[in-house]
Amino acid sequence: MFAVIYRWRVRPDREEAFVEGWRRVSGAVRDRFGSYGSRLHRSEDGLFVSYGRWPDREAREPYRQHLDVDPEGFRLMQEAIVEELPEIRLSILGDLLDEPDYFGRTRR
């Protein structure tokens, strides 16, 4: 498996729009390009951090050619971003996560 960490500084007055854009784009990427999904976090220093998982590096490549998967969601994110930090690419060597969905929903 493969994972990517994305990090952004977001304008305080655009945080809700950013979260909505992230939700739209991440959902479209999952549905259209077969990612395993994504999570969005806020770090203690105020960064927005997202973690996306993929079957492997190659499975992610078609998405990289179609960043416009949800143009409105992408616009919401871009208008909110002050700074986008370089992504961090990870190869998963172990996985012991076993947790309920954060919002109490049943996972797919």
PDB file of N, CA and C in Angstrom:
ATOM      1  N   MET A   1       0.822  -1.180   0.000  1.00  0.00           N
ATOM      2  CA  MET A   1       0.000   0.000   0.000  1.00  0.00           C
ATOM      3  C   MET A   1       0.871   1.251   0.000  1.00  0.00           C
ATOM      4  N   PHE A   2       0.227   2.347  -0.367  1.00  0.00           N
ATOM      5  CA  PHE A   2       0.913   3.620  -0.538  1.00  0.00           C
ATOM      6  C   PHE A   2       0.067   4.720   0.097  1.00  0.00           C
ATOM      7  N   ALA A   3       0.711   5.694   0.697  1.00  0.00           N
ATOM      8  CA  ALA A   3      -0.003   6.807   1.320  1.00  0.00           C
ATOM      9  C   ALA A   3       0.702   8.111   0.986  1.00  0.00           C
ATOM     10  N   VAL A   4      -0.070   9.186   1.019  1.00  0.00           N
ATOM     11  CA  VAL A   4       0.482  10.516   0.780  1.00  0.00           C
ATOM     12  C   VAL A   4      -0.069  11.449   1.850  1.00  0.00           C
ATOM     13  N   ILE A   5       0.822  12.262   2.407  1.00  0.00           N
ATOM     14  CA  ILE A   5       0.425  13.283   3.372  1.00  0.00           C
ATOM     15  C   ILE A   5       0.490  14.629   2.657  1.00  0.00           C
ATOM     16  N   TYR A   6      -0.604  15.383   2.759  1.00  0.00           N
ATOM     17  CA  TYR A   6      -0.715  16.715   2.171  1.00  0.00           C
ATOM     18  C   TYR A   6      -0.855  17.715   3.322  1.00  0.00           C
ATOM     19  N   ARG A   7      -0.247  18.907   3.177  1.00  0.00           N
ATOM     20  CA  ARG A   7      -0.288  19.898   4.252  1.00  0.00           C
ATOM     21  C   ARG A   7      -0.509  21.297   3.682  1.00  0.00           C
ATOM     22  N   TRP A   8      -1.378  22.056   4.378  1.00  0.00           N
ATOM     23  CA  TRP A   8      -1.703  23.406   3.928  1.00  0.00           C
ATOM     24  C   TRP A   8      -1.840  24.355   5.110  1.00  0.00           C
ATOM     25  N   ARG A   9      -1.502  25.611   4.862  1.00  0.00           N
ATOM     26  CA  ARG A   9      -1.903  26.714   5.738  1.00  0.00           C
ATOM     27  C   ARG A   9      -3.111  27.346   5.050  1.00  0.00           C
ATOM     28  N   VAL A  10      -4.172  27.534   5.838  1.00  0.00           N
ATOM     29  CA  VAL A  10      -5.447  27.979   5.291  1.00  0.00           C
ATOM     30  C   VAL A  10      -5.839  29.311   5.930  1.00  0.00           C
ATOM     31  N   ARG A  11      -6.418  30.190   5.117  1.00  0.00           N
ATOM     32  CA  ARG A  11      -6.915  31.468   5.637  1.00  0.00           C
ATOM     33  C   ARG A  11      -7.984  31.199   6.686  1.00  0.00           C
ATOM     34  N   PRO A  12      -7.877  31.808   7.862  1.00  0.00           N
ATOM     35  CA  PRO A  12      -8.859  31.558   8.931  1.00  0.00           C
ATOM     36  C   PRO A  12     -10.302  31.808   8.508  1.00  0.00           C
ATOM     37  N   ASP A  13     -10.531  32.787   7.658  1.00  0.00           N
ATOM     38  CA  ASP A  13     -11.901  33.088   7.236  1.00  0.00           C
ATOM     39  C   ASP A  13     -12.400  32.159   6.128  1.00  0.00           C
ATOM     40  N   ARG A  14     -11.568  31.222   5.672  1.00  0.00           N
ATOM     41  CA  ARG A  14     -11.949  30.309   4.589  1.00  0.00           C
ATOM     42  C   ARG A  14     -11.847  28.835   4.996  1.00  0.00           C
ATOM     43  N   GLU A  15     -11.721  28.574   6.303  1.00  0.00           N
ATOM     44  CA  GLU A  15     -11.535  27.197   6.756  1.00  0.00           C
ATOM     45  C   GLU A  15     -12.712  26.293   6.394  1.00  0.00           C
ATOM     46  N   GLU A  16     -13.936  26.763   6.603  1.00  0.00           N
ATOM     47  CA  GLU A  16     -15.101  25.932   6.291  1.00  0.00           C
ATOM     48  C   GLU A  16     -15.166  25.629   4.800  1.00  0.00           C
ATOM     49  N   ALA A  17     -14.875  26.613   3.962  1.00  0.00           N
ATOM     50  CA  ALA A  17     -14.872  26.392   2.516  1.00  0.00           C
ATOM     51  C   ALA A  17     -13.788  25.388   2.141  1.00  0.00           C
ATOM     52  N   PHE A  18     -12.619  25.498   2.780  1.00  0.00           N
ATOM     53  CA  PHE A  18     -11.541  24.545   2.500  1.00  0.00           C
ATOM     54  C   PHE A  18     -11.982  23.129   2.835  1.00  0.00           C
ATOM     55  N   VAL A  19     -12.569  22.939   4.011  1.00  0.00           N
ATOM     56  CA  VAL A  19     -13.011  21.605   4.430  1.00  0.00           C
ATOM     57  C   VAL A  19     -14.048  21.058   3.453  1.00  0.00           C
ATOM     58  N   GLU A  20     -14.981  21.891   3.013  1.00  0.00           N
ATOM     59  CA  GLU A  20     -15.976  21.451   2.037  1.00  0.00           C
ATOM     60  C   GLU A  20     -15.316  21.081   0.713  1.00  0.00           C
ATOM     61  N   GLY A  21     -14.365  21.889   0.264  1.00  0.00           N
ATOM     62  CA  GLY A  21     -13.641  21.568  -0.963  1.00  0.00           C
ATOM     63  C   GLY A  21     -12.867  20.273  -0.835  1.00  0.00           C
ATOM     64  N   TRP A  22     -12.181  20.095   0.290  1.00  0.00           N
ATOM     65  CA  TRP A  22     -11.433  18.852   0.527  1.00  0.00           C
ATOM     66  C   TRP A  22     -12.380  17.655   0.496  1.00  0.00           C
ATOM     67  N   ARG A  23     -13.538  17.767   1.142  1.00  0.00           N
ATOM     68  CA  ARG A  23     -14.506  16.668   1.167  1.00  0.00           C
ATOM     69  C   ARG A  23     -14.958  16.306  -0.243  1.00  0.00           C
ATOM     70  N   ARG A  24     -15.256  17.308  -1.027  1.00  0.00           N
ATOM     71  CA  ARG A  24     -15.715  17.074  -2.398  1.00  0.00           C
ATOM     72  C   ARG A  24     -14.631  16.421  -3.247  1.00  0.00           C
ATOM     73  N   VAL A  25     -13.440  17.004  -3.217  1.00  0.00           N
ATOM     74  CA  VAL A  25     -12.347  16.494  -4.048  1.00  0.00           C
ATOM     75  C   VAL A  25     -11.946  15.092  -3.603  1.00  0.00           C
ATOM     76  N   SER A  26     -11.781  14.890  -2.312  1.00  0.00           N
ATOM     77  CA  SER A  26     -11.362  13.577  -1.813  1.00  0.00           C
ATOM     78  C   SER A  26     -12.400  12.499  -2.111  1.00  0.00           C
ATOM     79  N   GLY A  27     -13.676  12.846  -1.974  1.00  0.00           N
ATOM     80  CA  GLY A  27     -14.727  11.884  -2.305  1.00  0.00           C
ATOM     81  C   GLY A  27     -14.730  11.533  -3.775  1.00  0.00           C
ATOM     82  N   ALA A  28     -14.540  12.525  -4.631  1.00  0.00           N
ATOM     83  CA  ALA A  28     -14.498  12.271  -6.075  1.00  0.00           C
ATOM     84  C   ALA A  28     -13.289  11.423  -6.452  1.00  0.00           C
ATOM     85  N   VAL A  29     -12.152  11.689  -5.824  1.00  0.00           N
ATOM     86  CA  VAL A  29     -10.943  10.898  -6.101  1.00  0.00           C
ATOM     87  C   VAL A  29     -11.168   9.445  -5.682  1.00  0.00           C
ATOM     88  N   ARG A  30     -11.759   9.241  -4.523  1.00  0.00           N
ATOM     89  CA  ARG A  30     -12.059   7.884  -4.061  1.00  0.00           C
ATOM     90  C   ARG A  30     -12.989   7.179  -5.052  1.00  0.00           C
ATOM     91  N   ASP A  31     -14.069   7.865  -5.422  1.00  0.00           N
ATOM     92  CA  ASP A  31     -15.074   7.237  -6.285  1.00  0.00           C
ATOM     93  C   ASP A  31     -14.591   7.026  -7.715  1.00  0.00           C
ATOM     94  N   ARG A  32     -13.827   7.982  -8.239  1.00  0.00           N
ATOM     95  CA  ARG A  32     -13.437   7.911  -9.652  1.00  0.00           C
ATOM     96  C   ARG A  32     -12.102   7.217  -9.890  1.00  0.00           C
ATOM     97  N   PHE A  33     -11.169   7.344  -8.939  1.00  0.00           N
ATOM     98  CA  PHE A  33      -9.821   6.837  -9.181  1.00  0.00           C
ATOM     99  C   PHE A  33      -9.398   5.706  -8.247  1.00  0.00           C
ATOM    100  N   GLY A  34     -10.281   5.267  -7.375  1.00  0.00           N
ATOM    101  CA  GLY A  34      -9.993   4.079  -6.583  1.00  0.00           C
ATOM    102  C   GLY A  34      -9.043   4.245  -5.419  1.00  0.00           C
ATOM    103  N   SER A  35      -8.942   5.456  -4.869  1.00  0.00           N
ATOM    104  CA  SER A  35      -8.134   5.576  -3.652  1.00  0.00           C
ATOM    105  C   SER A  35      -8.887   4.860  -2.527  1.00  0.00           C
ATOM    106  N   TYR A  36      -8.200   4.598  -1.448  1.00  0.00           N
ATOM    107  CA  TYR A  36      -8.846   3.984  -0.283  1.00  0.00           C
ATOM    108  C   TYR A  36      -9.485   5.037   0.617  1.00  0.00           C
ATOM    109  N   GLY A  37      -9.435   6.285   0.192  1.00  0.00           N
ATOM    110  CA  GLY A  37     -10.032   7.352   0.975  1.00  0.00           C
ATOM    111  C   GLY A  37      -8.980   8.230   1.614  1.00  0.00           C
ATOM    112  N   SER A  38      -9.464   9.160   2.425  1.00  0.00           N
ATOM    113  CA  SER A  38      -8.599  10.181   2.979  1.00  0.00           C
ATOM    114  C   SER A  38      -9.168  10.670   4.302  1.00  0.00           C
ATOM    115  N   ARG A  39      -8.310  11.244   5.105  1.00  0.00           N
ATOM    116  CA  ARG A  39      -8.717  11.890   6.351  1.00  0.00           C
ATOM    117  C   ARG A  39      -8.129  13.286   6.372  1.00  0.00           C
ATOM    118  N   LEU A  40      -8.845  14.183   7.029  1.00  0.00           N
ATOM    119  CA  LEU A  40      -8.356  15.548   7.184  1.00  0.00           C
ATOM    120  C   LEU A  40      -8.195  15.831   8.674  1.00  0.00           C
ATOM    121  N   HIS A  41      -7.066  16.421   9.020  1.00  0.00           N
ATOM    122  CA  HIS A  41      -6.744  16.752  10.412  1.00  0.00           C
ATOM    123  C   HIS A  41      -6.311  18.207  10.487  1.00  0.00           C
ATOM    124  N   ARG A  42      -6.321  18.730  11.693  1.00  0.00           N
ATOM    125  CA  ARG A  42      -5.674  20.020  11.964  1.00  0.00           C
ATOM    126  C   ARG A  42      -4.609  19.732  13.015  1.00  0.00           C
ATOM    127  N   SER A  43      -3.384  20.161  12.723  1.00  0.00           N
ATOM    128  CA  SER A  43      -2.291  19.936  13.667  1.00  0.00           C
ATOM    129  C   SER A  43      -2.300  21.024  14.735  1.00  0.00           C
ATOM    130  N   GLU A  44      -1.556  20.807  15.782  1.00  0.00           N
ATOM    131  CA  GLU A  44      -1.503  21.770  16.885  1.00  0.00           C
ATOM    132  C   GLU A  44      -0.983  23.136  16.449  1.00  0.00           C
ATOM    133  N   ASP A  45      -0.178  23.162  15.386  1.00  0.00           N
ATOM    134  CA  ASP A  45       0.334  24.450  14.912  1.00  0.00           C
ATOM    135  C   ASP A  45      -0.572  25.092  13.867  1.00  0.00           C
ATOM    136  N   GLY A  46      -1.775  24.532  13.658  1.00  0.00           N
ATOM    137  CA  GLY A  46      -2.764  25.133  12.775  1.00  0.00           C
ATOM    138  C   GLY A  46      -2.755  24.643  11.344  1.00  0.00           C
ATOM    139  N   LEU A  47      -1.794  23.803  10.991  1.00  0.00           N
ATOM    140  CA  LEU A  47      -1.777  23.252   9.633  1.00  0.00           C
ATOM    141  C   LEU A  47      -2.971  22.321   9.420  1.00  0.00           C
ATOM    142  N   PHE A  48      -3.494  22.330   8.211  1.00  0.00           N
ATOM    143  CA  PHE A  48      -4.461  21.319   7.799  1.00  0.00           C
ATOM    144  C   PHE A  48      -3.652  20.208   7.155  1.00  0.00           C
ATOM    145  N   VAL A  49      -3.884  18.983   7.596  1.00  0.00           N
ATOM    146  CA  VAL A  49      -3.110  17.833   7.143  1.00  0.00           C
ATOM    147  C   VAL A  49      -4.079  16.763   6.682  1.00  0.00           C
ATOM    148  N   SER A  50      -3.854  16.258   5.478  1.00  0.00           N
ATOM    149  CA  SER A  50      -4.682  15.187   4.948  1.00  0.00           C
ATOM    150  C   SER A  50      -3.807  13.984   4.634  1.00  0.00           C
ATOM    151  N   TYR A  51      -4.363  12.819   4.849  1.00  0.00           N
ATOM    152  CA  TYR A  51      -3.672  11.561   4.645  1.00  0.00           C
ATOM    153  C   TYR A  51      -4.530  10.734   3.696  1.00  0.00           C
ATOM    154  N   GLY A  52      -3.989  10.410   2.522  1.00  0.00           N
ATOM    155  CA  GLY A  52      -4.720   9.599   1.552  1.00  0.00           C
ATOM    156  C   GLY A  52      -4.013   8.289   1.305  1.00  0.00           C
ATOM    157  N   ARG A  53      -4.804   7.235   1.128  1.00  0.00           N
ATOM    158  CA  ARG A  53      -4.204   5.900   0.897  1.00  0.00           C
ATOM    159  C   ARG A  53      -4.610   5.372  -0.463  1.00  0.00           C
ATOM    160  N   TRP A  54      -3.681   4.624  -1.042  1.00  0.00           N
ATOM    161  CA  TRP A  54      -3.839   4.044  -2.376  1.00  0.00           C
ATOM    162  C   TRP A  54      -3.338   2.601  -2.365  1.00  0.00           C
ATOM    163  N   PRO A  55      -3.821   1.780  -3.289  1.00  0.00           N
ATOM    164  CA  PRO A  55      -3.302   0.405  -3.362  1.00  0.00           C
ATOM    165  C   PRO A  55      -1.785   0.380  -3.590  1.00  0.00           C
ATOM    166  N   ASP A  56      -1.286   1.296  -4.454  1.00  0.00           N
ATOM    167  CA  ASP A  56       0.143   1.405  -4.733  1.00  0.00           C
ATOM    168  C   ASP A  56       0.397   2.731  -5.451  1.00  0.00           C
ATOM    169  N   ARG A  57       1.660   3.049  -5.680  1.00  0.00           N
ATOM    170  CA  ARG A  57       2.006   4.321  -6.329  1.00  0.00           C
ATOM    171  C   ARG A  57       1.364   4.451  -7.710  1.00  0.00           C
ATOM    172  N   GLU A  58       1.389   3.368  -8.450  1.00  0.00           N
ATOM    173  CA  GLU A  58       0.868   3.386  -9.815  1.00  0.00           C
ATOM    174  C   GLU A  58      -0.626   3.680  -9.853  1.00  0.00           C
ATOM    175  N   ALA A  59      -1.369   3.223  -8.862  1.00  0.00           N
ATOM    176  CA  ALA A  59      -2.815   3.444  -8.836  1.00  0.00           C
ATOM    177  C   ALA A  59      -3.139   4.933  -8.686  1.00  0.00           C
ATOM    178  N   ARG A  60      -2.232   5.688  -8.114  1.00  0.00           N
ATOM    179  CA  ARG A  60      -2.457   7.124  -7.906  1.00  0.00           C
ATOM    180  C   ARG A  60      -2.205   7.948  -9.165  1.00  0.00           C
ATOM    181  N   GLU A  61      -1.417   7.465 -10.087  1.00  0.00           N
ATOM    182  CA  GLU A  61      -1.000   8.252 -11.246  1.00  0.00           C
ATOM    183  C   GLU A  61      -2.143   8.775 -12.114  1.00  0.00           C
ATOM    184  N   PRO A  62      -3.189   8.002 -12.408  1.00  0.00           N
ATOM    185  CA  PRO A  62      -4.274   8.574 -13.224  1.00  0.00           C
ATOM    186  C   PRO A  62      -4.901   9.811 -12.587  1.00  0.00           C
ATOM    187  N   TYR A  63      -5.023   9.830 -11.274  1.00  0.00           N
ATOM    188  CA  TYR A  63      -5.551  11.009 -10.582  1.00  0.00           C
ATOM    189  C   TYR A  63      -4.645  12.210 -10.802  1.00  0.00           C
ATOM    190  N   ARG A  64      -3.338  12.010 -10.752  1.00  0.00           N
ATOM    191  CA  ARG A  64      -2.384  13.115 -10.902  1.00  0.00           C
ATOM    192  C   ARG A  64      -2.531  13.794 -12.266  1.00  0.00           C
ATOM    193  N   GLN A  65      -3.077  13.082 -13.249  1.00  0.00           N
ATOM    194  CA  GLN A  65      -3.300  13.649 -14.576  1.00  0.00           C
ATOM    195  C   GLN A  65      -4.641  14.382 -14.668  1.00  0.00           C
ATOM    196  N   HIS A  66      -5.496  14.233 -13.637  1.00  0.00           N
ATOM    197  CA  HIS A  66      -6.845  14.808 -13.651  1.00  0.00           C
ATOM    198  C   HIS A  66      -7.155  15.498 -12.326  1.00  0.00           C
ATOM    199  N   LEU A  67      -6.383  16.485 -11.964  1.00  0.00           N
ATOM    200  CA  LEU A  67      -6.588  17.183 -10.697  1.00  0.00           C
ATOM    201  C   LEU A  67      -7.913  17.946 -10.672  1.00  0.00           C
ATOM    202  N   ASP A  68      -8.556  18.081 -11.836  1.00  0.00           N
ATOM    203  CA  ASP A  68      -9.826  18.793 -11.929  1.00  0.00           C
ATOM    204  C   ASP A  68     -11.017  17.859 -11.695  1.00  0.00           C
ATOM    205  N   VAL A  69     -10.826  16.798 -10.944  1.00  0.00           N
ATOM    206  CA  VAL A  69     -11.865  15.798 -10.728  1.00  0.00           C
ATOM    207  C   VAL A  69     -13.149  16.409 -10.176  1.00  0.00           C
ATOM    208  N   ASP A  70     -13.050  17.457  -9.395  1.00  0.00           N
ATOM    209  CA  ASP A  70     -14.210  18.227  -8.929  1.00  0.00           C
ATOM    210  C   ASP A  70     -13.807  19.700  -8.976  1.00  0.00           C
ATOM    211  N   PRO A  71     -14.055  20.373 -10.096  1.00  0.00           N
ATOM    212  CA  PRO A  71     -13.577  21.753 -10.250  1.00  0.00           C
ATOM    213  C   PRO A  71     -14.052  22.709  -9.154  1.00  0.00           C
ATOM    214  N   GLU A  72     -15.303  22.588  -8.726  1.00  0.00           N
ATOM    215  CA  GLU A  72     -15.809  23.479  -7.674  1.00  0.00           C
ATOM    216  C   GLU A  72     -15.098  23.203  -6.345  1.00  0.00           C
ATOM    217  N   GLY A  73     -14.935  21.944  -6.000  1.00  0.00           N
ATOM    218  CA  GLY A  73     -14.219  21.593  -4.779  1.00  0.00           C
ATOM    219  C   GLY A  73     -12.777  22.073  -4.823  1.00  0.00           C
ATOM    220  N   PHE A  74     -12.138  21.895  -5.972  1.00  0.00           N
ATOM    221  CA  PHE A  74     -10.760  22.342  -6.138  1.00  0.00           C
ATOM    222  C   PHE A  74     -10.675  23.864  -5.976  1.00  0.00           C
ATOM    223  N   ARG A  75     -11.639  24.597  -6.542  1.00  0.00           N
ATOM    224  CA  ARG A  75     -11.668  26.055  -6.425  1.00  0.00           C
ATOM    225  C   ARG A  75     -11.809  26.484  -4.964  1.00  0.00           C
ATOM    226  N   LEU A  76     -12.710  25.816  -4.234  1.00  0.00           N
ATOM    227  CA  LEU A  76     -12.897  26.141  -2.815  1.00  0.00           C
ATOM    228  C   LEU A  76     -11.598  25.975  -2.040  1.00  0.00           C
ATOM    229  N   MET A  77     -10.897  24.899  -2.316  1.00  0.00           N
ATOM    230  CA  MET A  77      -9.627  24.667  -1.633  1.00  0.00           C
ATOM    231  C   MET A  77      -8.597  25.722  -2.020  1.00  0.00           C
ATOM    232  N   GLN A  78      -8.430  25.955  -3.319  1.00  0.00           N
ATOM    233  CA  GLN A  78      -7.390  26.870  -3.791  1.00  0.00           C
ATOM    234  C   GLN A  78      -7.596  28.289  -3.265  1.00  0.00           C
ATOM    235  N   GLU A  79      -8.841  28.738  -3.187  1.00  0.00           N
ATOM    236  CA  GLU A  79      -9.117  30.088  -2.697  1.00  0.00           C
ATOM    237  C   GLU A  79      -8.837  30.236  -1.202  1.00  0.00           C
ATOM    238  N   ALA A  80      -8.781  29.124  -0.492  1.00  0.00           N
ATOM    239  CA  ALA A  80      -8.557  29.152   0.948  1.00  0.00           C
ATOM    240  C   ALA A  80      -7.085  28.971   1.329  1.00  0.00           C
ATOM    241  N   ILE A  81      -6.301  28.410   0.432  1.00  0.00           N
ATOM    242  CA  ILE A  81      -4.917  28.053   0.759  1.00  0.00           C
ATOM    243  C   ILE A  81      -4.011  29.285   0.740  1.00  0.00           C
ATOM    244  N   VAL A  82      -3.268  29.450   1.836  1.00  0.00           N
ATOM    245  CA  VAL A  82      -2.239  30.485   1.939  1.00  0.00           C
ATOM    246  C   VAL A  82      -0.903  29.902   1.508  1.00  0.00           C
ATOM    247  N   GLU A  83      -0.653  28.655   1.915  1.00  0.00           N
ATOM    248  CA  GLU A  83       0.607  27.979   1.607  1.00  0.00           C
ATOM    249  C   GLU A  83       0.336  26.491   1.501  1.00  0.00           C
ATOM    250  N   GLU A  84       0.898  25.874   0.462  1.00  0.00           N
ATOM    251  CA  GLU A  84       0.823  24.422   0.303  1.00  0.00           C
ATOM    252  C   GLU A  84       2.236  23.870   0.457  1.00  0.00           C
ATOM    253  N   LEU A  85       2.405  23.005   1.431  1.00  0.00           N
ATOM    254  CA  LEU A  85       3.720  22.422   1.696  1.00  0.00           C
ATOM    255  C   LEU A  85       3.911  21.189   0.820  1.00  0.00           C
ATOM    256  N   PRO A  86       5.155  20.786   0.580  1.00  0.00           N
ATOM    257  CA  PRO A  86       5.395  19.609  -0.262  1.00  0.00           C
ATOM    258  C   PRO A  86       4.723  18.362   0.320  1.00  0.00           C
ATOM    259  N   GLU A  87       4.196  17.530  -0.569  1.00  0.00           N
ATOM    260  CA  GLU A  87       3.580  16.288  -0.103  1.00  0.00           C
ATOM    261  C   GLU A  87       4.658  15.329   0.373  1.00  0.00           C
ATOM    262  N   ILE A  88       4.258  14.435   1.242  1.00  0.00           N
ATOM    263  CA  ILE A  88       5.146  13.406   1.769  1.00  0.00           C
ATOM    264  C   ILE A  88       4.592  12.064   1.303  1.00  0.00           C
ATOM    265  N   ARG A  89       5.382  11.307   0.566  1.00  0.00           N
ATOM    266  CA  ARG A  89       4.956  10.010   0.031  1.00  0.00           C
ATOM    267  C   ARG A  89       5.482   8.908   0.943  1.00  0.00           C
ATOM    268  N   LEU A  90       4.598   7.965   1.266  1.00  0.00           N
ATOM    269  CA  LEU A  90       4.928   6.916   2.228  1.00  0.00           C
ATOM    270  C   LEU A  90       4.610   5.537   1.673  1.00  0.00           C
ATOM    271  N   SER A  91       5.487   4.597   1.900  1.00  0.00           N
ATOM    272  CA  SER A  91       5.193   3.188   1.658  1.00  0.00           C
ATOM    273  C   SER A  91       4.782   2.595   2.992  1.00  0.00           C
ATOM    274  N   ILE A  92       3.634   1.947   3.036  1.00  0.00           N
ATOM    275  CA  ILE A  92       3.122   1.400   4.290  1.00  0.00           C
ATOM    276  C   ILE A  92       3.800   0.064   4.560  1.00  0.00           C
ATOM    277  N   LEU A  93       4.432  -0.036   5.718  1.00  0.00           N
ATOM    278  CA  LEU A  93       5.141  -1.251   6.104  1.00  0.00           C
ATOM    279  C   LEU A  93       4.372  -2.066   7.132  1.00  0.00           C
ATOM    280  N   GLY A  94       3.429  -1.451   7.789  1.00  0.00           N
ATOM    281  CA  GLY A  94       2.606  -2.134   8.783  1.00  0.00           C
ATOM    282  C   GLY A  94       1.359  -1.313   9.036  1.00  0.00           C
ATOM    283  N   ASP A  95       0.298  -1.974   9.499  1.00  0.00           N
ATOM    284  CA  ASP A  95      -0.963  -1.274   9.741  1.00  0.00           C
ATOM    285  C   ASP A  95      -1.701  -1.984  10.865  1.00  0.00           C
ATOM    286  N   LEU A  96      -1.773  -1.344  12.013  1.00  0.00           N
ATOM    287  CA  LEU A  96      -2.487  -1.901  13.155  1.00  0.00           C
ATOM    288  C   LEU A  96      -3.698  -1.063  13.532  1.00  0.00           C
ATOM    289  N   LEU A  97      -4.126  -0.155  12.632  1.00  0.00           N
ATOM    290  CA  LEU A  97      -5.311   0.643  12.917  1.00  0.00           C
ATOM    291  C   LEU A  97      -6.554  -0.237  12.907  1.00  0.00           C
ATOM    292  N   ASP A  98      -7.344  -0.091  13.928  1.00  0.00           N
ATOM    293  CA  ASP A  98      -8.612  -0.798  14.029  1.00  0.00           C
ATOM    294  C   ASP A  98      -9.522   0.102  14.848  1.00  0.00           C
ATOM    295  N   GLU A  99     -10.256   0.944  14.149  1.00  0.00           N
ATOM    296  CA  GLU A  99     -11.006   1.970  14.849  1.00  0.00           C
ATOM    297  C   GLU A  99     -12.356   2.200  14.188  1.00  0.00           C
ATOM    298  N   PRO A 100     -13.295   2.733  14.939  1.00  0.00           N
ATOM    299  CA  PRO A 100     -14.576   3.101  14.339  1.00  0.00           C
ATOM    300  C   PRO A 100     -14.413   4.378  13.522  1.00  0.00           C
ATOM    301  N   ASP A 101     -15.342   4.608  12.638  1.00  0.00           N
ATOM    302  CA  ASP A 101     -15.370   5.846  11.880  1.00  0.00           C
ATOM    303  C   ASP A 101     -15.500   7.019  12.848  1.00  0.00           C
ATOM    304  N   TYR A 102     -14.770   8.082  12.608  1.00  0.00           N
ATOM    305  CA  TYR A 102     -14.743   9.256  13.482  1.00  0.00           C
ATOM    306  C   TYR A 102     -16.134   9.830  13.710  1.00  0.00           C
ATOM    307  N   PHE A 103     -16.960   9.819  12.693  1.00  0.00           N
ATOM    308  CA  PHE A 103     -18.284  10.419  12.780  1.00  0.00           C
ATOM    309  C   PHE A 103     -19.375   9.415  13.122  1.00  0.00           C
ATOM    310  N   GLY A 104     -18.987   8.169  13.459  1.00  0.00           N
ATOM    311  CA  GLY A 104     -19.952   7.168  13.881  1.00  0.00           C
ATOM    312  C   GLY A 104     -20.676   6.489  12.730  1.00  0.00           C
ATOM    313  N   ARG A 105     -20.215   6.710  11.502  1.00  0.00           N
ATOM    314  CA  ARG A 105     -20.856   6.084  10.349  1.00  0.00           C
ATOM    315  C   ARG A 105     -20.229   4.727  10.080  1.00  0.00           C
ATOM    316  N   THR A 106     -20.971   3.892   9.406  1.00  0.00           N
ATOM    317  CA  THR A 106     -20.453   2.589   8.988  1.00  0.00           C
ATOM    318  C   THR A 106     -19.512   2.791   7.798  1.00  0.00           C
ATOM    319  N   ARG A 107     -18.398   2.137   7.854  1.00  0.00           N
ATOM    320  CA  ARG A 107     -17.442   2.225   6.737  1.00  0.00           C
ATOM    321  C   ARG A 107     -17.909   1.370   5.576  1.00  0.00           C
ATOM    322  N   ARG A 108     -17.430   1.750   4.364  1.00  0.00           N
ATOM    323  CA  ARG A 108     -17.796   0.972   3.183  1.00  0.00           C
ATOM    324  C   ARG A 108     -17.067  -0.337   3.186  1.00  0.00           C
TER     325      ARG A 108
END
